[in-house]
PDB file of N, CA and C in Angstrom:
ATOM      1  N   MET A   1     196.476 261.305  82.543  1.00  0.00           N
ATOM      2  CA  MET A   1     197.565 260.894  81.694  1.00  0.00           C
ATOM      3  C   MET A   1     197.859 261.994  80.666  1.00  0.00           C
ATOM      4  N   THR A   2     199.102 262.382  80.564  1.00  0.00           N
ATOM      5  CA  THR A   2     199.524 263.391  79.604  1.00  0.00           C
ATOM      6  C   THR A   2     199.833 262.727  78.267  1.00  0.00           C
ATOM      7  N   LEU A   3     199.258 263.264  77.223  1.00  0.00           N
ATOM      8  CA  LEU A   3     199.503 262.731  75.881  1.00  0.00           C
ATOM      9  C   LEU A   3     200.679 263.460  75.236  1.00  0.00           C
ATOM     10  N   PRO A   4     201.502 262.749  74.478  1.00  0.00           N
ATOM     11  CA  PRO A   4     202.610 263.413  73.786  1.00  0.00           C
ATOM     12  C   PRO A   4     202.102 264.219  72.587  1.00  0.00           C
ATOM     13  N   LEU A   5     202.882 265.220  72.220  1.00  0.00           N
ATOM     14  CA  LEU A   5     202.601 265.973  71.000  1.00  0.00           C
ATOM     15  C   LEU A   5     203.273 265.274  69.831  1.00  0.00           C
ATOM     16  N   ARG A   6     202.532 265.128  68.735  1.00  0.00           N
ATOM     17  CA  ARG A   6     203.095 264.611  67.482  1.00  0.00           C
ATOM     18  C   ARG A   6     202.830 265.656  66.413  1.00  0.00           C
ATOM     19  N   PHE A   7     203.771 265.799  65.511  1.00  0.00           N
ATOM     20  CA  PHE A   7     203.684 266.855  64.511  1.00  0.00           C
ATOM     21  C   PHE A   7     203.672 266.276  63.103  1.00  0.00           C
ATOM     22  N   ARG A   8     202.771 266.803  62.289  1.00  0.00           N
ATOM     23  CA  ARG A   8     202.841 266.495  60.862  1.00  0.00           C
ATOM     24  C   ARG A   8     204.163 267.051  60.351  1.00  0.00           C
ATOM     25  N   PRO A   9     204.795 266.402  59.372  1.00  0.00           N
ATOM     26  CA  PRO A   9     206.095 266.883  58.875  1.00  0.00           C
ATOM     27  C   PRO A   9     206.059 268.334  58.379  1.00  0.00           C
ATOM     28  N   GLU A  10     204.930 268.768  57.865  1.00  0.00           N
ATOM     29  CA  GLU A  10     204.809 270.122  57.320  1.00  0.00           C
ATOM     30  C   GLU A  10     204.942 271.210  58.383  1.00  0.00           C
ATOM     31  N   VAL A  11     204.706 270.852  59.643  1.00  0.00           N
ATOM     32  CA  VAL A  11     204.748 271.842  60.718  1.00  0.00           C
ATOM     33  C   VAL A  11     206.143 272.458  60.847  1.00  0.00           C
ATOM     34  N   VAL A  12     207.178 271.672  60.615  1.00  0.00           N
ATOM     35  CA  VAL A  12     208.549 272.208  60.659  1.00  0.00           C
ATOM     36  C   VAL A  12     208.692 273.340  59.640  1.00  0.00           C
ATOM     37  N   GLY A  13     208.174 273.131  58.451  1.00  0.00           N
ATOM     38  CA  GLY A  13     208.203 274.169  57.420  1.00  0.00           C
ATOM     39  C   GLY A  13     207.372 275.383  57.794  1.00  0.00           C
ATOM     40  N   ASP A  14     206.217 275.149  58.429  1.00  0.00           N
ATOM     41  CA  ASP A  14     205.381 276.259  58.895  1.00  0.00           C
ATOM     42  C   ASP A  14     206.171 277.152  59.843  1.00  0.00           C
ATOM     43  N   LEU A  15     206.831 276.526  60.817  1.00  0.00           N
ATOM     44  CA  LEU A  15     207.595 277.277  61.810  1.00  0.00           C
ATOM     45  C   LEU A  15     208.774 278.003  61.174  1.00  0.00           C
ATOM     46  N   GLN A  16     209.477 277.329  60.283  1.00  0.00           N
ATOM     47  CA  GLN A  16     210.637 277.953  59.638  1.00  0.00           C
ATOM     48  C   GLN A  16     210.217 279.139  58.783  1.00  0.00           C
ATOM     49  N   ALA A  17     209.132 278.982  58.039  1.00  0.00           N
ATOM     50  CA  ALA A  17     208.652 280.078  57.193  1.00  0.00           C
ATOM     51  C   ALA A  17     208.239 281.280  58.040  1.00  0.00           C
ATOM     52  N   GLY A  18     207.550 281.025  59.141  1.00  0.00           N
ATOM     53  CA  GLY A  18     207.154 282.117  60.030  1.00  0.00           C
ATOM     54  C   GLY A  18     208.352 282.811  60.641  1.00  0.00           C
ATOM     55  N   ALA A  19     209.303 282.039  61.141  1.00  0.00           N
ATOM     56  CA  ALA A  19     210.504 282.614  61.754  1.00  0.00           C
ATOM     57  C   ALA A  19     211.303 283.419  60.729  1.00  0.00           C
ATOM     58  N   ASP A  20     211.437 282.899  59.524  1.00  0.00           N
ATOM     59  CA  ASP A  20     212.168 283.615  58.472  1.00  0.00           C
ATOM     60  C   ASP A  20     211.488 284.941  58.134  1.00  0.00           C
ATOM     61  N   TRP A  21     210.160 284.912  58.032  1.00  0.00           N
ATOM     62  CA  TRP A  21     209.415 286.124  57.701  1.00  0.00           C
ATOM     63  C   TRP A  21     209.631 287.187  58.772  1.00  0.00           C
ATOM     64  N   TYR A  22     209.523 286.791  60.044  1.00  0.00           N
ATOM     65  CA  TYR A  22     209.704 287.761  61.130  1.00  0.00           C
ATOM     66  C   TYR A  22     211.144 288.237  61.234  1.00  0.00           C
ATOM     67  N   ASP A  23     212.112 287.364  61.023  1.00  0.00           N
ATOM     68  CA  ASP A  23     213.519 287.784  61.052  1.00  0.00           C
ATOM     69  C   ASP A  23     213.833 288.781  59.939  1.00  0.00           C
ATOM     70  N   ALA A  24     213.154 288.662  58.805  1.00  0.00           N
ATOM     71  CA  ALA A  24     213.359 289.609  57.709  1.00  0.00           C
ATOM     72  C   ALA A  24     212.835 291.001  58.075  1.00  0.00           C
ATOM     73  N   ARG A  25     211.899 291.058  59.013  1.00  0.00           N
ATOM     74  CA  ARG A  25     211.349 292.339  59.453  1.00  0.00           C
ATOM     75  C   ARG A  25     212.205 292.967  60.537  1.00  0.00           C
ATOM     76  N   ARG A  26     212.721 292.125  61.459  1.00  0.00           N
ATOM     77  CA  ARG A  26     213.584 292.606  62.543  1.00  0.00           C
ATOM     78  C   ARG A  26     214.430 291.453  63.046  1.00  0.00           C
ATOM     79  N   ALA A  27     215.719 291.658  63.119  1.00  0.00           N
ATOM     80  CA  ALA A  27     216.629 290.613  63.602  1.00  0.00           C
ATOM     81  C   ALA A  27     216.200 290.159  64.996  1.00  0.00           C
ATOM     82  N   GLY A  28     216.080 288.855  65.168  1.00  0.00           N
ATOM     83  CA  GLY A  28     215.704 288.283  66.456  1.00  0.00           C
ATOM     84  C   GLY A  28     214.216 288.063  66.640  1.00  0.00           C
ATOM     85  N   LEU A  29     213.400 288.696  65.810  1.00  0.00           N
ATOM     86  CA  LEU A  29     211.951 288.543  65.964  1.00  0.00           C
ATOM     87  C   LEU A  29     211.504 287.123  65.636  1.00  0.00           C
ATOM     88  N   GLY A  30     212.201 286.473  64.721  1.00  0.00           N
ATOM     89  CA  GLY A  30     211.878 285.082  64.405  1.00  0.00           C
ATOM     90  C   GLY A  30     212.077 284.179  65.608  1.00  0.00           C
ATOM     91  N   GLY A  31     213.122 284.432  66.382  1.00  0.00           N
ATOM     92  CA  GLY A  31     213.354 283.667  67.604  1.00  0.00           C
ATOM     93  C   GLY A  31     212.253 283.891  68.624  1.00  0.00           C
ATOM     94  N   GLU A  32     211.786 285.136  68.734  1.00  0.00           N
ATOM     95  CA  GLU A  32     210.675 285.438  69.642  1.00  0.00           C
ATOM     96  C   GLU A  32     209.412 284.704  69.196  1.00  0.00           C
ATOM     97  N   PHE A  33     209.190 284.672  67.898  1.00  0.00           N
ATOM     98  CA  PHE A  33     208.047 283.940  67.348  1.00  0.00           C
ATOM     99  C   PHE A  33     208.119 282.462  67.739  1.00  0.00           C
ATOM    100  N   LEU A  34     209.290 281.859  67.567  1.00  0.00           N
ATOM    101  CA  LEU A  34     209.447 280.439  67.915  1.00  0.00           C
ATOM    102  C   LEU A  34     209.242 280.201  69.406  1.00  0.00           C
ATOM    103  N   GLU A  35     209.701 281.128  70.251  1.00  0.00           N
ATOM    104  CA  GLU A  35     209.498 280.999  71.696  1.00  0.00           C
ATOM    105  C   GLU A  35     208.014 281.030  72.045  1.00  0.00           C
ATOM    106  N   GLU A  36     207.266 281.930  71.414  1.00  0.00           N
ATOM    107  CA  GLU A  36     205.825 282.009  71.683  1.00  0.00           C
ATOM    108  C   GLU A  36     205.098 280.768  71.170  1.00  0.00           C
ATOM    109  N   CYS A  37     205.538 280.241  70.034  1.00  0.00           N
ATOM    110  CA  CYS A  37     204.948 278.992  69.534  1.00  0.00           C
ATOM    111  C   CYS A  37     205.211 277.860  70.519  1.00  0.00           C
ATOM    112  N   GLN A  38     206.430 277.783  71.039  1.00  0.00           N
ATOM    113  CA  GLN A  38     206.769 276.739  72.008  1.00  0.00           C
ATOM    114  C   GLN A  38     205.933 276.883  73.274  1.00  0.00           C
ATOM    115  N   ALA A  39     205.733 278.116  73.733  1.00  0.00           N
ATOM    116  CA  ALA A  39     204.906 278.340  74.921  1.00  0.00           C
ATOM    117  C   ALA A  39     203.471 277.877  74.672  1.00  0.00           C
ATOM    118  N   ALA A  40     202.937 278.163  73.488  1.00  0.00           N
ATOM    119  CA  ALA A  40     201.577 277.725  73.159  1.00  0.00           C
ATOM    120  C   ALA A  40     201.501 276.204  73.086  1.00  0.00           C
ATOM    121  N   LEU A  41     202.507 275.579  72.510  1.00  0.00           N
ATOM    122  CA  LEU A  41     202.535 274.110  72.432  1.00  0.00           C
ATOM    123  C   LEU A  41     202.646 273.491  73.823  1.00  0.00           C
ATOM    124  N   ASP A  42     203.446 274.097  74.696  1.00  0.00           N
ATOM    125  CA  ASP A  42     203.538 273.614  76.079  1.00  0.00           C
ATOM    126  C   ASP A  42     202.177 273.698  76.760  1.00  0.00           C
ATOM    127  N   GLY A  43     201.453 274.790  76.510  1.00  0.00           N
ATOM    128  CA  GLY A  43     200.119 274.946  77.075  1.00  0.00           C
ATOM    129  C   GLY A  43     199.147 273.905  76.550  1.00  0.00           C
ATOM    130  N   ILE A  44     199.232 273.601  75.274  1.00  0.00           N
ATOM    131  CA  ILE A  44     198.374 272.564  74.685  1.00  0.00           C
ATOM    132  C   ILE A  44     198.687 271.212  75.309  1.00  0.00           C
ATOM    133  N   ALA A  45     199.971 270.916  75.510  1.00  0.00           N
ATOM    134  CA  ALA A  45     200.356 269.637  76.113  1.00  0.00           C
ATOM    135  C   ALA A  45     199.808 269.514  77.533  1.00  0.00           C
ATOM    136  N   LYS A  46     199.797 270.627  78.273  1.00  0.00           N
ATOM    137  CA  LYS A  46     199.319 270.607  79.660  1.00  0.00           C
ATOM    138  C   LYS A  46     197.801 270.600  79.749  1.00  0.00           C
ATOM    139  N   LEU A  47     197.153 271.303  78.818  1.00  0.00           N
ATOM    140  CA  LEU A  47     195.700 271.432  78.848  1.00  0.00           C
ATOM    141  C   LEU A  47     195.153 271.316  77.426  1.00  0.00           C
ATOM    142  N   PRO A  48     195.091 270.097  76.901  1.00  0.00           N
ATOM    143  CA  PRO A  48     194.700 269.922  75.496  1.00  0.00           C
ATOM    144  C   PRO A  48     193.249 270.288  75.192  1.00  0.00           C
ATOM    145  N   GLN A  49     192.405 270.392  76.204  1.00  0.00           N
ATOM    146  CA  GLN A  49     190.996 270.717  75.964  1.00  0.00           C
ATOM    147  C   GLN A  49     190.772 272.194  75.652  1.00  0.00           C
ATOM    148  N   GLN A  50     191.832 272.992  75.681  1.00  0.00           N
ATOM    149  CA  GLN A  50     191.687 274.421  75.414  1.00  0.00           C
ATOM    150  C   GLN A  50     191.486 274.685  73.924  1.00  0.00           C
ATOM    151  N   GLY A  51     191.152 275.909  73.620  1.00  0.00           N
ATOM    152  CA  GLY A  51     191.054 276.325  72.226  1.00  0.00           C
ATOM    153  C   GLY A  51     189.654 276.221  71.665  1.00  0.00           C
ATOM    154  N   THR A  52     189.519 276.715  70.470  1.00  0.00           N
ATOM    155  CA  THR A  52     188.257 276.679  69.749  1.00  0.00           C
ATOM    156  C   THR A  52     188.102 275.312  69.101  1.00  0.00           C
ATOM    157  N   VAL A  53     186.925 274.702  69.300  1.00  0.00           N
ATOM    158  CA  VAL A  53     186.670 273.371  68.744  1.00  0.00           C
ATOM    159  C   VAL A  53     185.879 273.513  67.447  1.00  0.00           C
ATOM    160  N   GLN A  54     186.344 272.845  66.404  1.00  0.00           N
ATOM    161  CA  GLN A  54     185.666 272.815  65.111  1.00  0.00           C
ATOM    162  C   GLN A  54     184.713 271.612  65.076  1.00  0.00           C
ATOM    163  N   PRO A  55     183.722 271.616  64.185  1.00  0.00           N
ATOM    164  CA  PRO A  55     182.785 270.493  64.115  1.00  0.00           C
ATOM    165  C   PRO A  55     183.452 269.134  63.873  1.00  0.00           C
ATOM    166  N   ASP A  56     184.596 269.124  63.198  1.00  0.00           N
ATOM    167  CA  ASP A  56     185.268 267.851  62.913  1.00  0.00           C
ATOM    168  C   ASP A  56     186.218 267.411  64.025  1.00  0.00           C
ATOM    169  N   GLY A  57     186.186 268.116  65.159  1.00  0.00           N
ATOM    170  CA  GLY A  57     187.024 267.735  66.290  1.00  0.00           C
ATOM    171  C   GLY A  57     188.380 268.407  66.330  1.00  0.00           C
ATOM    172  N   LEU A  58     188.735 269.126  65.281  1.00  0.00           N
ATOM    173  CA  LEU A  58     189.985 269.885  65.311  1.00  0.00           C
ATOM    174  C   LEU A  58     189.846 271.043  66.286  1.00  0.00           C
ATOM    175  N   ARG A  59     190.958 271.417  66.875  1.00  0.00           N
ATOM    176  CA  ARG A  59     190.991 272.547  67.795  1.00  0.00           C
ATOM    177  C   ARG A  59     192.002 273.555  67.279  1.00  0.00           C
ATOM    178  N   SER A  60     191.830 274.790  67.695  1.00  0.00           N
ATOM    179  CA  SER A  60     192.793 275.818  67.317  1.00  0.00           C
ATOM    180  C   SER A  60     193.080 276.718  68.508  1.00  0.00           C
ATOM    181  N   VAL A  61     194.357 277.091  68.635  1.00  0.00           N
ATOM    182  CA  VAL A  61     194.824 277.973  69.702  1.00  0.00           C
ATOM    183  C   VAL A  61     195.682 279.052  69.056  1.00  0.00           C
ATOM    184  N   ARG A  62     195.444 280.293  69.437  1.00  0.00           N
ATOM    185  CA  ARG A  62     196.247 281.403  68.916  1.00  0.00           C
ATOM    186  C   ARG A  62     197.593 281.464  69.624  1.00  0.00           C
ATOM    187  N   VAL A  63     198.596 281.890  68.892  1.00  0.00           N
ATOM    188  CA  VAL A  63     199.938 282.104  69.438  1.00  0.00           C
ATOM    189  C   VAL A  63     199.983 283.536  69.982  1.00  0.00           C
ATOM    190  N   ARG A  64     200.393 283.681  71.234  1.00  0.00           N
ATOM    191  CA  ARG A  64     200.450 285.000  71.866  1.00  0.00           C
ATOM    192  C   ARG A  64     201.434 285.903  71.117  1.00  0.00           C
ATOM    193  N   ARG A  65     201.059 287.182  70.949  1.00  0.00           N
ATOM    194  CA  ARG A  65     201.884 288.228  70.323  1.00  0.00           C
ATOM    195  C   ARG A  65     201.984 288.144  68.805  1.00  0.00           C
ATOM    196  N   PHE A  66     201.581 287.040  68.209  1.00  0.00           N
ATOM    197  CA  PHE A  66     201.719 286.873  66.765  1.00  0.00           C
ATOM    198  C   PHE A  66     200.385 286.379  66.198  1.00  0.00           C
ATOM    199  N   PRO A  67     200.042 286.788  64.967  1.00  0.00           N
ATOM    200  CA  PRO A  67     198.748 286.391  64.391  1.00  0.00           C
ATOM    201  C   PRO A  67     198.778 284.988  63.776  1.00  0.00           C
ATOM    202  N   TYR A  68     199.259 284.039  64.542  1.00  0.00           N
ATOM    203  CA  TYR A  68     199.374 282.651  64.090  1.00  0.00           C
ATOM    204  C   TYR A  68     198.464 281.762  64.921  1.00  0.00           C
ATOM    205  N   VAL A  69     198.047 280.658  64.321  1.00  0.00           N
ATOM    206  CA  VAL A  69     197.135 279.714  64.972  1.00  0.00           C
ATOM    207  C   VAL A  69     197.721 278.309  64.865  1.00  0.00           C
ATOM    208  N   ILE A  70     197.623 277.573  65.969  1.00  0.00           N
ATOM    209  CA  ILE A  70     198.037 276.165  65.994  1.00  0.00           C
ATOM    210  C   ILE A  70     196.780 275.324  65.848  1.00  0.00           C
ATOM    211  N   HIS A  71     196.760 274.438  64.866  1.00  0.00           N
ATOM    212  CA  HIS A  71     195.621 273.562  64.600  1.00  0.00           C
ATOM    213  C   HIS A  71     196.003 272.140  65.010  1.00  0.00           C
ATOM    214  N   PHE A  72     195.173 271.519  65.856  1.00  0.00           N
ATOM    215  CA  PHE A  72     195.511 270.197  66.380  1.00  0.00           C
ATOM    216  C   PHE A  72     194.256 269.392  66.684  1.00  0.00           C
ATOM    217  N   ARG A  73     194.468 268.121  66.945  1.00  0.00           N
ATOM    218  CA  ARG A  73     193.376 267.220  67.333  1.00  0.00           C
ATOM    219  C   ARG A  73     193.879 266.322  68.451  1.00  0.00           C
ATOM    220  N   ILE A  74     193.012 266.083  69.412  1.00  0.00           N
ATOM    221  CA  ILE A  74     193.322 265.148  70.494  1.00  0.00           C
ATOM    222  C   ILE A  74     192.910 263.767  70.017  1.00  0.00           C
ATOM    223  N   GLU A  75     193.866 262.860  69.933  1.00  0.00           N
ATOM    224  CA  GLU A  75     193.587 261.481  69.543  1.00  0.00           C
ATOM    225  C   GLU A  75     193.847 260.576  70.738  1.00  0.00           C
ATOM    226  N   SER A  76     193.581 259.304  70.604  1.00  0.00           N
ATOM    227  CA  SER A  76     193.676 258.393  71.747  1.00  0.00           C
ATOM    228  C   SER A  76     195.086 258.268  72.304  1.00  0.00           C
ATOM    229  N   SER A  77     196.103 258.351  71.453  1.00  0.00           N
ATOM    230  CA  SER A  77     197.470 258.134  71.926  1.00  0.00           C
ATOM    231  C   SER A  77     198.359 259.370  71.856  1.00  0.00           C
ATOM    232  N   ALA A  78     197.850 260.470  71.290  1.00  0.00           N
ATOM    233  CA  ALA A  78     198.686 261.667  71.148  1.00  0.00           C
ATOM    234  C   ALA A  78     197.835 262.881  70.787  1.00  0.00           C
ATOM    235  N   ILE A  79     198.440 264.043  70.930  1.00  0.00           N
ATOM    236  CA  ILE A  79     197.882 265.288  70.415  1.00  0.00           C
ATOM    237  C   ILE A  79     198.615 265.544  69.103  1.00  0.00           C
ATOM    238  N   VAL A  80     197.875 265.531  68.006  1.00  0.00           N
ATOM    239  CA  VAL A  80     198.492 265.672  66.688  1.00  0.00           C
ATOM    240  C   VAL A  80     198.357 267.121  66.225  1.00  0.00           C
ATOM    241  N   VAL A  81     199.496 267.757  65.960  1.00  0.00           N
ATOM    242  CA  VAL A  81     199.530 269.130  65.463  1.00  0.00           C
ATOM    243  C   VAL A  81     199.617 269.064  63.939  1.00  0.00           C
ATOM    244  N   PHE A  82     198.616 269.660  63.287  1.00  0.00           N
ATOM    245  CA  PHE A  82     198.533 269.608  61.830  1.00  0.00           C
ATOM    246  C   PHE A  82     199.154 270.819  61.150  1.00  0.00           C
ATOM    247  N   ALA A  83     199.069 271.986  61.801  1.00  0.00           N
ATOM    248  CA  ALA A  83     199.563 273.205  61.161  1.00  0.00           C
ATOM    249  C   ALA A  83     199.787 274.292  62.201  1.00  0.00           C
ATOM    250  N   ILE A  84     200.758 275.162  61.916  1.00  0.00           N
ATOM    251  CA  ILE A  84     200.980 276.396  62.675  1.00  0.00           C
ATOM    252  C   ILE A  84     201.146 277.474  61.615  1.00  0.00           C
ATOM    253  N   LEU A  85     200.056 278.216  61.381  1.00  0.00           N
ATOM    254  CA  LEU A  85     200.016 279.125  60.232  1.00  0.00           C
ATOM    255  C   LEU A  85     199.412 280.472  60.597  1.00  0.00           C
ATOM    256  N   PHE A  86     199.667 281.451  59.737  1.00  0.00           N
ATOM    257  CA  PHE A  86     199.059 282.767  59.853  1.00  0.00           C
ATOM    258  C   PHE A  86     197.548 282.600  59.956  1.00  0.00           C
ATOM    259  N   GLY A  87     196.943 283.283  60.919  1.00  0.00           N
ATOM    260  CA  GLY A  87     195.522 283.109  61.195  1.00  0.00           C
ATOM    261  C   GLY A  87     194.595 283.495  60.062  1.00  0.00           C
ATOM    262  N   GLY A  88     195.032 284.367  59.163  1.00  0.00           N
ATOM    263  CA  GLY A  88     194.186 284.781  58.058  1.00  0.00           C
ATOM    264  C   GLY A  88     194.277 283.883  56.839  1.00  0.00           C
ATOM    265  N   ARG A  89     195.033 282.834  56.962  1.00  0.00           N
ATOM    266  CA  ARG A  89     195.241 281.931  55.819  1.00  0.00           C
ATOM    267  C   ARG A  89     193.989 281.087  55.556  1.00  0.00           C
ATOM    268  N   ASP A  90     193.723 280.832  54.309  1.00  0.00           N
ATOM    269  CA  ASP A  90     192.589 280.004  53.904  1.00  0.00           C
ATOM    270  C   ASP A  90     192.789 278.586  54.445  1.00  0.00           C
ATOM    271  N   PRO A  91     191.818 278.060  55.215  1.00  0.00           N
ATOM    272  CA  PRO A  91     191.967 276.716  55.781  1.00  0.00           C
ATOM    273  C   PRO A  91     192.195 275.624  54.744  1.00  0.00           C
ATOM    274  N   SER A  92     191.737 275.835  53.526  1.00  0.00           N
ATOM    275  CA  SER A  92     191.944 274.794  52.514  1.00  0.00           C
ATOM    276  C   SER A  92     193.432 274.610  52.198  1.00  0.00           C
ATOM    277  N   ALA A  93     194.259 275.578  52.599  1.00  0.00           N
ATOM    278  CA  ALA A  93     195.697 275.482  52.349  1.00  0.00           C
ATOM    279  C   ALA A  93     196.361 274.397  53.193  1.00  0.00           C
ATOM    280  N   TRP A  94     195.707 274.003  54.289  1.00  0.00           N
ATOM    281  CA  TRP A  94     196.323 272.981  55.149  1.00  0.00           C
ATOM    282  C   TRP A  94     195.390 271.827  55.495  1.00  0.00           C
ATOM    283  N   ARG A  95     194.123 271.913  55.154  1.00  0.00           N
ATOM    284  CA  ARG A  95     193.159 270.874  55.543  1.00  0.00           C
ATOM    285  C   ARG A  95     193.493 269.496  54.981  1.00  0.00           C
ATOM    286  N   ASP A  96     194.253 269.435  53.909  1.00  0.00           N
ATOM    287  CA  ASP A  96     194.622 268.131  53.353  1.00  0.00           C
ATOM    288  C   ASP A  96     195.619 267.397  54.246  1.00  0.00           C
ATOM    289  N   ARG A  97     196.141 268.059  55.257  1.00  0.00           N
ATOM    290  CA  ARG A  97     197.062 267.416  56.204  1.00  0.00           C
ATOM    291  C   ARG A  97     196.330 266.544  57.224  1.00  0.00           C
ATOM    292  N   VAL A  98     195.039 266.776  57.358  1.00  0.00           N
ATOM    293  CA  VAL A  98     194.246 266.076  58.383  1.00  0.00           C
ATOM    294  C   VAL A  98     193.964 264.653  57.949  1.00  0.00           C
TER     295      VAL A  98
END
């Protein structure tokens, strides 16, 4: 059974901030960033057991070509995405979303 992806409301802001940052560096790069994020999310939906597992059950998957990480948890009725952020960011910046 395939579980649906559900997103914390903050994830929209994460994606927009990343796309804006990359577009400011090169026109169109923000769109490429969003495409790679979508590809990673599609992969998570198809194979949710992938990624690095944290002790609290959270998982993380890197976004190809960009130094961003998708943080999620597999729950009984859905895969919940908590954050899509720069990989070097302090985890305490988003852990309150869990």
